[in-house]
Amino acid sequence: MPYLLIRTNQNVTEAATATLLTRASREVAGLLGKSERYVMVSLEQGQPMLFGGSADPLAYLELKSIGLPGGETARLSAALCDLLGQELGVPRDRIYIEFSNASGPLWGWNGATF
């Protein structure tokens, strides 16, 4: 049920993509205390994007999950910014993250909803 979308203007090699997606999936599961079995992560790389009028490395993330703890978003932000810094070289101050708490009946899976 957790879904992490990573959009960046960086071009990422196939090997680096695999590493980032694997690491992000584990990180999200651990941070949210959810089974990795339900975590989905996607990467949209090489996107034409500007931040503050500059095309320097940047990223926009969306983290959606059922029961996303609003009081934990600062901790989640720090961990995700560290991840993007380590894997893509994107500075913390060039990352925006949108957090969304989804309602179970509005999240479909396996022909049903949560």
PDB file of N, CA and C in Angstrom:
ATOM      1  N   MET A   1       0.793  -1.207   0.000  1.00  0.00           N
ATOM      2  CA  MET A   1       0.000   0.000   0.000  1.00  0.00           C
ATOM      3  C   MET A   1       0.834   1.269   0.000  1.00  0.00           C
ATOM      4  N   PRO A   2       2.047   1.282   0.577  1.00  0.00           N
ATOM      5  CA  PRO A   2       2.861   2.488   0.401  1.00  0.00           C
ATOM      6  C   PRO A   2       3.345   2.600  -1.047  1.00  0.00           C
ATOM      7  N   TYR A   3       3.292   3.804  -1.566  1.00  0.00           N
ATOM      8  CA  TYR A   3       3.770   4.075  -2.917  1.00  0.00           C
ATOM      9  C   TYR A   3       4.702   5.285  -2.870  1.00  0.00           C
ATOM     10  N   LEU A   4       5.909   5.113  -3.392  1.00  0.00           N
ATOM     11  CA  LEU A   4       6.877   6.203  -3.471  1.00  0.00           C
ATOM     12  C   LEU A   4       7.177   6.469  -4.932  1.00  0.00           C
ATOM     13  N   LEU A   5       6.893   7.679  -5.367  1.00  0.00           N
ATOM     14  CA  LEU A   5       7.226   8.130  -6.713  1.00  0.00           C
ATOM     15  C   LEU A   5       8.402   9.087  -6.600  1.00  0.00           C
ATOM     16  N   ILE A   6       9.433   8.827  -7.368  1.00  0.00           N
ATOM     17  CA  ILE A   6      10.612   9.693  -7.402  1.00  0.00           C
ATOM     18  C   ILE A   6      10.721  10.274  -8.799  1.00  0.00           C
ATOM     19  N   ARG A   7      10.648  11.589  -8.907  1.00  0.00           N
ATOM     20  CA  ARG A   7      10.873  12.276 -10.183  1.00  0.00           C
ATOM     21  C   ARG A   7      12.145  13.096 -10.036  1.00  0.00           C
ATOM     22  N   THR A   8      13.011  12.995 -11.032  1.00  0.00           N
ATOM     23  CA  THR A   8      14.260  13.745 -10.981  1.00  0.00           C
ATOM     24  C   THR A   8      14.678  14.180 -12.373  1.00  0.00           C
ATOM     25  N   ASN A   9      15.472  15.228 -12.420  1.00  0.00           N
ATOM     26  CA  ASN A   9      16.023  15.670 -13.695  1.00  0.00           C
ATOM     27  C   ASN A   9      17.322  14.939 -14.017  1.00  0.00           C
ATOM     28  N   GLN A  10      17.768  14.081 -13.104  1.00  0.00           N
ATOM     29  CA  GLN A  10      19.000  13.338 -13.301  1.00  0.00           C
ATOM     30  C   GLN A  10      18.771  12.133 -14.211  1.00  0.00           C
ATOM     31  N   ASN A  11      19.771  11.821 -15.032  1.00  0.00           N
ATOM     32  CA  ASN A  11      19.750  10.589 -15.809  1.00  0.00           C
ATOM     33  C   ASN A  11      20.457   9.529 -14.979  1.00  0.00           C
ATOM     34  N   VAL A  12      19.813   8.400 -14.826  1.00  0.00           N
ATOM     35  CA  VAL A  12      20.293   7.365 -13.921  1.00  0.00           C
ATOM     36  C   VAL A  12      20.584   6.097 -14.723  1.00  0.00           C
ATOM     37  N   THR A  13      21.737   5.518 -14.506  1.00  0.00           N
ATOM     38  CA  THR A  13      22.092   4.283 -15.209  1.00  0.00           C
ATOM     39  C   THR A  13      21.159   3.156 -14.770  1.00  0.00           C
ATOM     40  N   GLU A  14      21.137   2.102 -15.555  1.00  0.00           N
ATOM     41  CA  GLU A  14      20.299   0.955 -15.232  1.00  0.00           C
ATOM     42  C   GLU A  14      20.691   0.342 -13.884  1.00  0.00           C
ATOM     43  N   ALA A  15      21.983   0.217 -13.650  1.00  0.00           N
ATOM     44  CA  ALA A  15      22.458  -0.349 -12.385  1.00  0.00           C
ATOM     45  C   ALA A  15      22.092   0.550 -11.206  1.00  0.00           C
ATOM     46  N   ALA A  16      22.273   1.863 -11.374  1.00  0.00           N
ATOM     47  CA  ALA A  16      21.942   2.799 -10.297  1.00  0.00           C
ATOM     48  C   ALA A  16      20.435   2.831 -10.045  1.00  0.00           C
ATOM     49  N   THR A  17      19.641   2.669 -11.097  1.00  0.00           N
ATOM     50  CA  THR A  17      18.188   2.612 -10.949  1.00  0.00           C
ATOM     51  C   THR A  17      17.794   1.411 -10.101  1.00  0.00           C
ATOM     52  N   ALA A  18      18.362   0.257 -10.419  1.00  0.00           N
ATOM     53  CA  ALA A  18      18.045  -0.958  -9.658  1.00  0.00           C
ATOM     54  C   ALA A  18      18.415  -0.792  -8.188  1.00  0.00           C
ATOM     55  N   THR A  19      19.586  -0.214  -7.939  1.00  0.00           N
ATOM     56  CA  THR A  19      20.034  -0.003  -6.556  1.00  0.00           C
ATOM     57  C   THR A  19      19.101   0.964  -5.834  1.00  0.00           C
ATOM     58  N   LEU A  20      18.767   2.070  -6.479  1.00  0.00           N
ATOM     59  CA  LEU A  20      17.888   3.066  -5.864  1.00  0.00           C
ATOM     60  C   LEU A  20      16.524   2.472  -5.553  1.00  0.00           C
ATOM     61  N   LEU A  21      15.920   1.788  -6.503  1.00  0.00           N
ATOM     62  CA  LEU A  21      14.585   1.233  -6.284  1.00  0.00           C
ATOM     63  C   LEU A  21      14.587   0.188  -5.174  1.00  0.00           C
ATOM     64  N   THR A  22      15.592  -0.671  -5.162  1.00  0.00           N
ATOM     65  CA  THR A  22      15.695  -1.696  -4.124  1.00  0.00           C
ATOM     66  C   THR A  22      15.865  -1.059  -2.752  1.00  0.00           C
ATOM     67  N   ARG A  23      16.754  -0.103  -2.676  1.00  0.00           N
ATOM     68  CA  ARG A  23      17.016   0.551  -1.395  1.00  0.00           C
ATOM     69  C   ARG A  23      15.801   1.356  -0.926  1.00  0.00           C
ATOM     70  N   ALA A  24      15.151   2.069  -1.856  1.00  0.00           N
ATOM     71  CA  ALA A  24      13.971   2.867  -1.499  1.00  0.00           C
ATOM     72  C   ALA A  24      12.834   1.980  -1.008  1.00  0.00           C
ATOM     73  N   SER A  25      12.637   0.832  -1.653  1.00  0.00           N
ATOM     74  CA  SER A  25      11.584  -0.088  -1.230  1.00  0.00           C
ATOM     75  C   SER A  25      11.812  -0.564   0.207  1.00  0.00           C
ATOM     76  N   ARG A  26      13.024  -0.958   0.499  1.00  0.00           N
ATOM     77  CA  ARG A  26      13.354  -1.409   1.861  1.00  0.00           C
ATOM     78  C   ARG A  26      13.211  -0.279   2.871  1.00  0.00           C
ATOM     79  N   GLU A  27      13.686   0.899   2.476  1.00  0.00           N
ATOM     80  CA  GLU A  27      13.642   2.060   3.373  1.00  0.00           C
ATOM     81  C   GLU A  27      12.203   2.432   3.713  1.00  0.00           C
ATOM     82  N   VAL A  28      11.346   2.506   2.704  1.00  0.00           N
ATOM     83  CA  VAL A  28       9.943   2.874   2.937  1.00  0.00           C
ATOM     84  C   VAL A  28       9.272   1.842   3.839  1.00  0.00           C
ATOM     85  N   ALA A  29       9.501   0.567   3.564  1.00  0.00           N
ATOM     86  CA  ALA A  29       8.907  -0.482   4.406  1.00  0.00           C
ATOM     87  C   ALA A  29       9.358  -0.311   5.857  1.00  0.00           C
ATOM     88  N   GLY A  30      10.652  -0.115   6.051  1.00  0.00           N
ATOM     89  CA  GLY A  30      11.176   0.044   7.403  1.00  0.00           C
ATOM     90  C   GLY A  30      10.675   1.293   8.093  1.00  0.00           C
ATOM     91  N   LEU A  31      10.657   2.402   7.375  1.00  0.00           N
ATOM     92  CA  LEU A  31      10.222   3.670   7.960  1.00  0.00           C
ATOM     93  C   LEU A  31       8.759   3.637   8.380  1.00  0.00           C
ATOM     94  N   LEU A  32       7.940   2.943   7.586  1.00  0.00           N
ATOM     95  CA  LEU A  32       6.506   2.921   7.858  1.00  0.00           C
ATOM     96  C   LEU A  32       6.072   1.693   8.650  1.00  0.00           C
ATOM     97  N   GLY A  33       7.011   0.771   8.904  1.00  0.00           N
ATOM     98  CA  GLY A  33       6.660  -0.431   9.628  1.00  0.00           C
ATOM     99  C   GLY A  33       5.688  -1.309   8.858  1.00  0.00           C
ATOM    100  N   LYS A  34       5.817  -1.319   7.536  1.00  0.00           N
ATOM    101  CA  LYS A  34       4.931  -2.101   6.673  1.00  0.00           C
ATOM    102  C   LYS A  34       5.734  -3.206   6.007  1.00  0.00           C
ATOM    103  N   SER A  35       5.052  -4.223   5.565  1.00  0.00           N
ATOM    104  CA  SER A  35       5.707  -5.297   4.834  1.00  0.00           C
ATOM    105  C   SER A  35       6.145  -4.785   3.466  1.00  0.00           C
ATOM    106  N   GLU A  36       7.379  -5.112   3.096  1.00  0.00           N
ATOM    107  CA  GLU A  36       7.873  -4.689   1.779  1.00  0.00           C
ATOM    108  C   GLU A  36       7.054  -5.320   0.658  1.00  0.00           C
ATOM    109  N   ARG A  37       6.354  -6.380   0.970  1.00  0.00           N
ATOM    110  CA  ARG A  37       5.503  -7.053  -0.014  1.00  0.00           C
ATOM    111  C   ARG A  37       4.504  -6.089  -0.661  1.00  0.00           C
ATOM    112  N   TYR A  38       4.090  -5.065   0.066  1.00  0.00           N
ATOM    113  CA  TYR A  38       3.075  -4.138  -0.424  1.00  0.00           C
ATOM    114  C   TYR A  38       3.651  -2.813  -0.910  1.00  0.00           C
ATOM    115  N   VAL A  39       4.945  -2.612  -0.814  1.00  0.00           N
ATOM    116  CA  VAL A  39       5.569  -1.332  -1.193  1.00  0.00           C
ATOM    117  C   VAL A  39       5.783  -1.286  -2.702  1.00  0.00           C
ATOM    118  N   MET A  40       5.406  -0.171  -3.315  1.00  0.00           N
ATOM    119  CA  MET A  40       5.663   0.077  -4.730  1.00  0.00           C
ATOM    120  C   MET A  40       6.503   1.345  -4.834  1.00  0.00           C
ATOM    121  N   VAL A  41       7.547   1.279  -5.649  1.00  0.00           N
ATOM    122  CA  VAL A  41       8.430   2.421  -5.865  1.00  0.00           C
ATOM    123  C   VAL A  41       8.605   2.608  -7.367  1.00  0.00           C
ATOM    124  N   SER A  42       8.538   3.835  -7.831  1.00  0.00           N
ATOM    125  CA  SER A  42       8.792   4.101  -9.246  1.00  0.00           C
ATOM    126  C   SER A  42       9.733   5.286  -9.385  1.00  0.00           C
ATOM    127  N   LEU A  43      10.450   5.288 -10.499  1.00  0.00           N
ATOM    128  CA  LEU A  43      11.418   6.343 -10.784  1.00  0.00           C
ATOM    129  C   LEU A  43      11.130   6.913 -12.157  1.00  0.00           C
ATOM    130  N   GLU A  44      10.942   8.225 -12.212  1.00  0.00           N
ATOM    131  CA  GLU A  44      10.838   8.953 -13.477  1.00  0.00           C
ATOM    132  C   GLU A  44      12.078   9.820 -13.551  1.00  0.00           C
ATOM    133  N   GLN A  45      13.017   9.421 -14.385  1.00  0.00           N
ATOM    134  CA  GLN A  45      14.300  10.093 -14.458  1.00  0.00           C
ATOM    135  C   GLN A  45      14.411  10.933 -15.732  1.00  0.00           C
ATOM    136  N   GLY A  46      15.400  11.812 -15.734  1.00  0.00           N
ATOM    137  CA  GLY A  46      15.649  12.643 -16.908  1.00  0.00           C
ATOM    138  C   GLY A  46      14.507  13.585 -17.244  1.00  0.00           C
ATOM    139  N   GLN A  47      13.725  13.954 -16.241  1.00  0.00           N
ATOM    140  CA  GLN A  47      12.578  14.833 -16.453  1.00  0.00           C
ATOM    141  C   GLN A  47      13.041  16.274 -16.632  1.00  0.00           C
ATOM    142  N   PRO A  48      12.441  17.006 -17.571  1.00  0.00           N
ATOM    143  CA  PRO A  48      12.775  18.426 -17.668  1.00  0.00           C
ATOM    144  C   PRO A  48      12.168  19.157 -16.466  1.00  0.00           C
ATOM    145  N   MET A  49      13.022  19.585 -15.543  1.00  0.00           N
ATOM    146  CA  MET A  49      12.569  20.211 -14.307  1.00  0.00           C
ATOM    147  C   MET A  49      13.516  21.345 -13.918  1.00  0.00           C
ATOM    148  N   LEU A  50      12.958  22.352 -13.269  1.00  0.00           N
ATOM    149  CA  LEU A  50      13.739  23.443 -12.675  1.00  0.00           C
ATOM    150  C   LEU A  50      13.322  23.599 -11.227  1.00  0.00           C
ATOM    151  N   PHE A  51      14.238  24.020 -10.399  1.00  0.00           N
ATOM    152  CA  PHE A  51      13.944  24.361  -9.006  1.00  0.00           C
ATOM    153  C   PHE A  51      14.683  25.651  -8.740  1.00  0.00           C
ATOM    154  N   GLY A  52      13.958  26.681  -8.346  1.00  0.00           N
ATOM    155  CA  GLY A  52      14.587  27.973  -8.088  1.00  0.00           C
ATOM    156  C   GLY A  52      15.261  28.536  -9.332  1.00  0.00           C
ATOM    157  N   GLY A  53      14.710  28.218 -10.505  1.00  0.00           N
ATOM    158  CA  GLY A  53      15.264  28.721 -11.761  1.00  0.00           C
ATOM    159  C   GLY A  53      16.511  27.996 -12.226  1.00  0.00           C
ATOM    160  N   SER A  54      16.867  26.900 -11.558  1.00  0.00           N
ATOM    161  CA  SER A  54      18.096  26.173 -11.876  1.00  0.00           C
ATOM    162  C   SER A  54      17.792  24.709 -12.226  1.00  0.00           C
ATOM    163  N   ALA A  55      18.537  24.186 -13.176  1.00  0.00           N
ATOM    164  CA  ALA A  55      18.409  22.782 -13.564  1.00  0.00           C
ATOM    165  C   ALA A  55      19.445  21.907 -12.858  1.00  0.00           C
ATOM    166  N   ASP A  56      20.093  22.426 -11.799  1.00  0.00           N
ATOM    167  CA  ASP A  56      20.997  21.598 -11.004  1.00  0.00           C
ATOM    168  C   ASP A  56      20.204  20.387 -10.477  1.00  0.00           C
ATOM    169  N   PRO A  57      20.891  19.337 -10.024  1.00  0.00           N
ATOM    170  CA  PRO A  57      20.193  18.134  -9.572  1.00  0.00           C
ATOM    171  C   PRO A  57      19.062  18.455  -8.586  1.00  0.00           C
ATOM    172  N   LEU A  58      17.898  17.851  -8.847  1.00  0.00           N
ATOM    173  CA  LEU A  58      16.719  18.077  -8.022  1.00  0.00           C
ATOM    174  C   LEU A  58      15.828  16.848  -8.076  1.00  0.00           C
ATOM    175  N   ALA A  59      14.887  16.783  -7.145  1.00  0.00           N
ATOM    176  CA  ALA A  59      13.930  15.679  -7.121  1.00  0.00           C
ATOM    177  C   ALA A  59      12.624  16.125  -6.482  1.00  0.00           C
ATOM    178  N   TYR A  60      11.552  15.495  -6.936  1.00  0.00           N
ATOM    179  CA  TYR A  60      10.228  15.661  -6.348  1.00  0.00           C
ATOM    180  C   TYR A  60       9.732  14.258  -6.010  1.00  0.00           C
ATOM    181  N   LEU A  61       9.323  14.052  -4.765  1.00  0.00           N
ATOM    182  CA  LEU A  61       8.859  12.745  -4.323  1.00  0.00           C
ATOM    183  C   LEU A  61       7.424  12.836  -3.845  1.00  0.00           C
ATOM    184  N   GLU A  62       6.690  11.764  -4.053  1.00  0.00           N
ATOM    185  CA  GLU A  62       5.358  11.606  -3.487  1.00  0.00           C
ATOM    186  C   GLU A  62       5.374  10.309  -2.694  1.00  0.00           C
ATOM    187  N   LEU A  63       5.025  10.380  -1.427  1.00  0.00           N
ATOM    188  CA  LEU A  63       4.902   9.189  -0.594  1.00  0.00           C
ATOM    189  C   LEU A  63       3.457   9.100  -0.128  1.00  0.00           C
ATOM    190  N   LYS A  64       2.777   8.048  -0.573  1.00  0.00           N
ATOM    191  CA  LYS A  64       1.381   7.819  -0.200  1.00  0.00           C
ATOM    192  C   LYS A  64       1.290   6.491   0.520  1.00  0.00           C
ATOM    193  N   SER A  65       0.481   6.468   1.571  1.00  0.00           N
ATOM    194  CA  SER A  65       0.298   5.224   2.308  1.00  0.00           C
ATOM    195  C   SER A  65      -0.957   5.302   3.160  1.00  0.00           C
ATOM    196  N   ILE A  66      -1.562   4.152   3.358  1.00  0.00           N
ATOM    197  CA  ILE A  66      -2.668   4.069   4.303  1.00  0.00           C
ATOM    198  C   ILE A  66      -2.083   4.201   5.704  1.00  0.00           C
ATOM    199  N   GLY A  67      -2.640   5.091   6.478  1.00  0.00           N
ATOM    200  CA  GLY A  67      -2.174   5.277   7.848  1.00  0.00           C
ATOM    201  C   GLY A  67      -0.844   6.000   7.949  1.00  0.00           C
ATOM    202  N   LEU A  68      -0.525   6.843   6.972  1.00  0.00           N
ATOM    203  CA  LEU A  68       0.728   7.603   7.024  1.00  0.00           C
ATOM    204  C   LEU A  68       0.708   8.496   8.264  1.00  0.00           C
ATOM    205  N   PRO A  69       1.677   8.336   9.145  1.00  0.00           N
ATOM    206  CA  PRO A  69       1.673   9.101  10.398  1.00  0.00           C
ATOM    207  C   PRO A  69       2.103  10.555  10.188  1.00  0.00           C
ATOM    208  N   GLY A  70       1.155  11.483  10.292  1.00  0.00           N
ATOM    209  CA  GLY A  70       1.442  12.897  10.095  1.00  0.00           C
ATOM    210  C   GLY A  70       2.520  13.428  11.019  1.00  0.00           C
ATOM    211  N   GLY A  71       2.613  12.897  12.212  1.00  0.00           N
ATOM    212  CA  GLY A  71       3.617  13.342  13.167  1.00  0.00           C
ATOM    213  C   GLY A  71       5.016  12.828  12.850  1.00  0.00           C
ATOM    214  N   GLU A  72       5.133  11.968  11.854  1.00  0.00           N
ATOM    215  CA  GLU A  72       6.422  11.383  11.488  1.00  0.00           C
ATOM    216  C   GLU A  72       6.992  11.928  10.185  1.00  0.00           C
ATOM    217  N   THR A  73       6.334  12.907   9.583  1.00  0.00           N
ATOM    218  CA  THR A  73       6.778  13.359   8.264  1.00  0.00           C
ATOM    219  C   THR A  73       8.167  13.999   8.290  1.00  0.00           C
ATOM    220  N   ALA A  74       8.556  14.646   9.358  1.00  0.00           N
ATOM    221  CA  ALA A  74       9.903  15.231   9.423  1.00  0.00           C
ATOM    222  C   ALA A  74      10.959  14.123   9.391  1.00  0.00           C
ATOM    223  N   ARG A  75      10.714  13.042  10.127  1.00  0.00           N
ATOM    224  CA  ARG A  75      11.632  11.901  10.133  1.00  0.00           C
ATOM    225  C   ARG A  75      11.673  11.230   8.759  1.00  0.00           C
ATOM    226  N   LEU A  76      10.512  11.081   8.142  1.00  0.00           N
ATOM    227  CA  LEU A  76      10.442  10.490   6.808  1.00  0.00           C
ATOM    228  C   LEU A  76      11.171  11.363   5.791  1.00  0.00           C
ATOM    229  N   SER A  77      10.975  12.665   5.891  1.00  0.00           N
ATOM    230  CA  SER A  77      11.636  13.602   4.982  1.00  0.00           C
ATOM    231  C   SER A  77      13.150  13.498   5.095  1.00  0.00           C
ATOM    232  N   ALA A  78      13.656  13.468   6.310  1.00  0.00           N
ATOM    233  CA  ALA A  78      15.104  13.378   6.518  1.00  0.00           C
ATOM    234  C   ALA A  78      15.662  12.103   5.905  1.00  0.00           C
ATOM    235  N   ALA A  79      14.986  10.981   6.142  1.00  0.00           N
ATOM    236  CA  ALA A  79      15.471   9.701   5.622  1.00  0.00           C
ATOM    237  C   ALA A  79      15.429   9.660   4.100  1.00  0.00           C
ATOM    238  N   LEU A  80      14.349  10.153   3.508  1.00  0.00           N
ATOM    239  CA  LEU A  80      14.236  10.134   2.045  1.00  0.00           C
ATOM    240  C   LEU A  80      15.220  11.109   1.397  1.00  0.00           C
ATOM    241  N   CYS A  81      15.433  12.256   2.017  1.00  0.00           N
ATOM    242  CA  CYS A  81      16.427  13.199   1.490  1.00  0.00           C
ATOM    243  C   CYS A  81      17.831  12.601   1.561  1.00  0.00           C
ATOM    244  N   ASP A  82      18.140  11.909   2.648  1.00  0.00           N
ATOM    245  CA  ASP A  82      19.437  11.237   2.755  1.00  0.00           C
ATOM    246  C   ASP A  82      19.593  10.190   1.657  1.00  0.00           C
ATOM    247  N   LEU A  83      18.543   9.429   1.418  1.00  0.00           N
ATOM    248  CA  LEU A  83      18.573   8.397   0.381  1.00  0.00           C
ATOM    249  C   LEU A  83      18.863   8.998  -0.993  1.00  0.00           C
ATOM    250  N   LEU A  84      18.151  10.070  -1.346  1.00  0.00           N
ATOM    251  CA  LEU A  84      18.347  10.698  -2.657  1.00  0.00           C
ATOM    252  C   LEU A  84      19.709  11.367  -2.761  1.00  0.00           C
ATOM    253  N   GLY A  85      20.202  11.880  -1.652  1.00  0.00           N
ATOM    254  CA  GLY A  85      21.542  12.458  -1.651  1.00  0.00           C
ATOM    255  C   GLY A  85      22.596  11.402  -1.904  1.00  0.00           C
ATOM    256  N   GLN A  86      22.457  10.278  -1.228  1.00  0.00           N
ATOM    257  CA  GLN A  86      23.439   9.200  -1.368  1.00  0.00           C
ATOM    258  C   GLN A  86      23.363   8.528  -2.731  1.00  0.00           C
ATOM    259  N   GLU A  87      22.186   8.286  -3.230  1.00  0.00           N
ATOM    260  CA  GLU A  87      22.028   7.515  -4.470  1.00  0.00           C
ATOM    261  C   GLU A  87      22.081   8.359  -5.738  1.00  0.00           C
ATOM    262  N   LEU A  88      21.605   9.616  -5.669  1.00  0.00           N
ATOM    263  CA  LEU A  88      21.550  10.454  -6.868  1.00  0.00           C
ATOM    264  C   LEU A  88      22.366  11.737  -6.761  1.00  0.00           C
ATOM    265  N   GLY A  89      22.895  12.020  -5.575  1.00  0.00           N
ATOM    266  CA  GLY A  89      23.661  13.252  -5.407  1.00  0.00           C
ATOM    267  C   GLY A  89      22.809  14.500  -5.402  1.00  0.00           C
ATOM    268  N   VAL A  90      21.524  14.366  -5.050  1.00  0.00           N
ATOM    269  CA  VAL A  90      20.632  15.523  -4.998  1.00  0.00           C
ATOM    270  C   VAL A  90      20.709  16.130  -3.602  1.00  0.00           C
ATOM    271  N   PRO A  91      21.058  17.408  -3.499  1.00  0.00           N
ATOM    272  CA  PRO A  91      21.121  18.050  -2.186  1.00  0.00           C
ATOM    273  C   PRO A  91      19.744  18.124  -1.520  1.00  0.00           C
ATOM    274  N   ARG A  92      19.727  18.048  -0.208  1.00  0.00           N
ATOM    275  CA  ARG A  92      18.474  18.092   0.558  1.00  0.00           C
ATOM    276  C   ARG A  92      17.610  19.301   0.228  1.00  0.00           C
ATOM    277  N   ASP A  93      18.274  20.438   0.000  1.00  0.00           N
ATOM    278  CA  ASP A  93      17.511  21.668  -0.232  1.00  0.00           C
ATOM    279  C   ASP A  93      17.006  21.786  -1.667  1.00  0.00           C
ATOM    280  N   ARG A  94      17.138  20.707  -2.441  1.00  0.00           N
ATOM    281  CA  ARG A  94      16.609  20.682  -3.817  1.00  0.00           C
ATOM    282  C   ARG A  94      15.656  19.499  -3.996  1.00  0.00           C
ATOM    283  N   ILE A  95      15.021  19.130  -2.867  1.00  0.00           N
ATOM    284  CA  ILE A  95      14.051  18.036  -2.879  1.00  0.00           C
ATOM    285  C   ILE A  95      12.762  18.507  -2.217  1.00  0.00           C
ATOM    286  N   TYR A  96      11.662  18.315  -2.925  1.00  0.00           N
ATOM    287  CA  TYR A  96      10.332  18.500  -2.336  1.00  0.00           C
ATOM    288  C   TYR A  96       9.708  17.123  -2.176  1.00  0.00           C
ATOM    289  N   ILE A  97       8.950  16.950  -1.087  1.00  0.00           N
ATOM    290  CA  ILE A  97       8.265  15.687  -0.843  1.00  0.00           C
ATOM    291  C   ILE A  97       6.813  15.983  -0.479  1.00  0.00           C
ATOM    292  N   GLU A  98       5.912  15.330  -1.179  1.00  0.00           N
ATOM    293  CA  GLU A  98       4.486  15.420  -0.853  1.00  0.00           C
ATOM    294  C   GLU A  98       4.083  14.134  -0.132  1.00  0.00           C
ATOM    295  N   PHE A  99       3.535  14.265   1.064  1.00  0.00           N
ATOM    296  CA  PHE A  99       3.066  13.127   1.839  1.00  0.00           C
ATOM    297  C   PHE A  99       1.546  13.062   1.751  1.00  0.00           C
ATOM    298  N   SER A 100       1.003  11.864   1.538  1.00  0.00           N
ATOM    299  CA  SER A 100      -0.448  11.687   1.454  1.00  0.00           C
ATOM    300  C   SER A 100      -0.861  10.480   2.272  1.00  0.00           C
ATOM    301  N   ASN A 101      -1.841  10.681   3.124  1.00  0.00           N
ATOM    302  CA  ASN A 101      -2.420   9.605   3.914  1.00  0.00           C
ATOM    303  C   ASN A 101      -3.659   9.121   3.175  1.00  0.00           C
ATOM    304  N   ALA A 102      -3.614   7.902   2.660  1.00  0.00           N
ATOM    305  CA  ALA A 102      -4.728   7.362   1.888  1.00  0.00           C
ATOM    306  C   ALA A 102      -5.718   6.641   2.796  1.00  0.00           C
ATOM    307  N   SER A 103      -6.960   6.697   2.415  1.00  0.00           N
ATOM    308  CA  SER A 103      -8.006   5.971   3.115  1.00  0.00           C
ATOM    309  C   SER A 103      -8.088   4.560   2.527  1.00  0.00           C
ATOM    310  N   GLY A 104      -8.191   3.550   3.369  1.00  0.00           N
ATOM    311  CA  GLY A 104      -8.234   2.159   2.916  1.00  0.00           C
ATOM    312  C   GLY A 104      -9.249   1.886   1.816  1.00  0.00           C
ATOM    313  N   PRO A 105     -10.492   2.368   1.959  1.00  0.00           N
ATOM    314  CA  PRO A 105     -11.476   2.110   0.913  1.00  0.00           C
ATOM    315  C   PRO A 105     -11.159   2.813  -0.419  1.00  0.00           C
ATOM    316  N   LEU A 106     -10.238   3.786  -0.395  1.00  0.00           N
ATOM    317  CA  LEU A 106      -9.878   4.498  -1.622  1.00  0.00           C
ATOM    318  C   LEU A 106      -8.550   4.007  -2.201  1.00  0.00           C
ATOM    319  N   TRP A 107      -8.071   2.848  -1.736  1.00  0.00           N
ATOM    320  CA  TRP A 107      -6.807   2.282  -2.211  1.00  0.00           C
ATOM    321  C   TRP A 107      -7.113   0.854  -2.654  1.00  0.00           C
ATOM    322  N   GLY A 108      -7.042   0.623  -3.962  1.00  0.00           N
ATOM    323  CA  GLY A 108      -7.374  -0.692  -4.502  1.00  0.00           C
ATOM    324  C   GLY A 108      -6.169  -1.595  -4.642  1.00  0.00           C
ATOM    325  N   TRP A 109      -6.400  -2.879  -4.515  1.00  0.00           N
ATOM    326  CA  TRP A 109      -5.367  -3.901  -4.697  1.00  0.00           C
ATOM    327  C   TRP A 109      -6.032  -5.261  -4.824  1.00  0.00           C
ATOM    328  N   ASN A 110      -5.547  -6.055  -5.743  1.00  0.00           N
ATOM    329  CA  ASN A 110      -5.971  -7.440  -5.884  1.00  0.00           C
ATOM    330  C   ASN A 110      -7.470  -7.579  -6.089  1.00  0.00           C
ATOM    331  N   GLY A 111      -8.055  -6.646  -6.834  1.00  0.00           N
ATOM    332  CA  GLY A 111      -9.480  -6.700  -7.131  1.00  0.00           C
ATOM    333  C   GLY A 111     -10.385  -6.246  -6.005  1.00  0.00           C
ATOM    334  N   ALA A 112      -9.792  -5.678  -4.963  1.00  0.00           N
ATOM    335  CA  ALA A 112     -10.570  -5.210  -3.819  1.00  0.00           C
ATOM    336  C   ALA A 112      -9.944  -3.908  -3.305  1.00  0.00           C
ATOM    337  N   THR A 113     -10.274  -3.512  -2.120  1.00  0.00           N
ATOM    338  CA  THR A 113      -9.666  -2.345  -1.480  1.00  0.00           C
ATOM    339  C   THR A 113      -9.201  -2.762  -0.088  1.00  0.00           C
ATOM    340  N   PHE A 114      -8.419  -1.873   0.510  1.00  0.00           N
ATOM    341  CA  PHE A 114      -7.942  -2.156   1.858  1.00  0.00           C
ATOM    342  C   PHE A 114      -9.013  -1.710   2.821  1.00  0.00           C
TER     343      PHE A 114
END
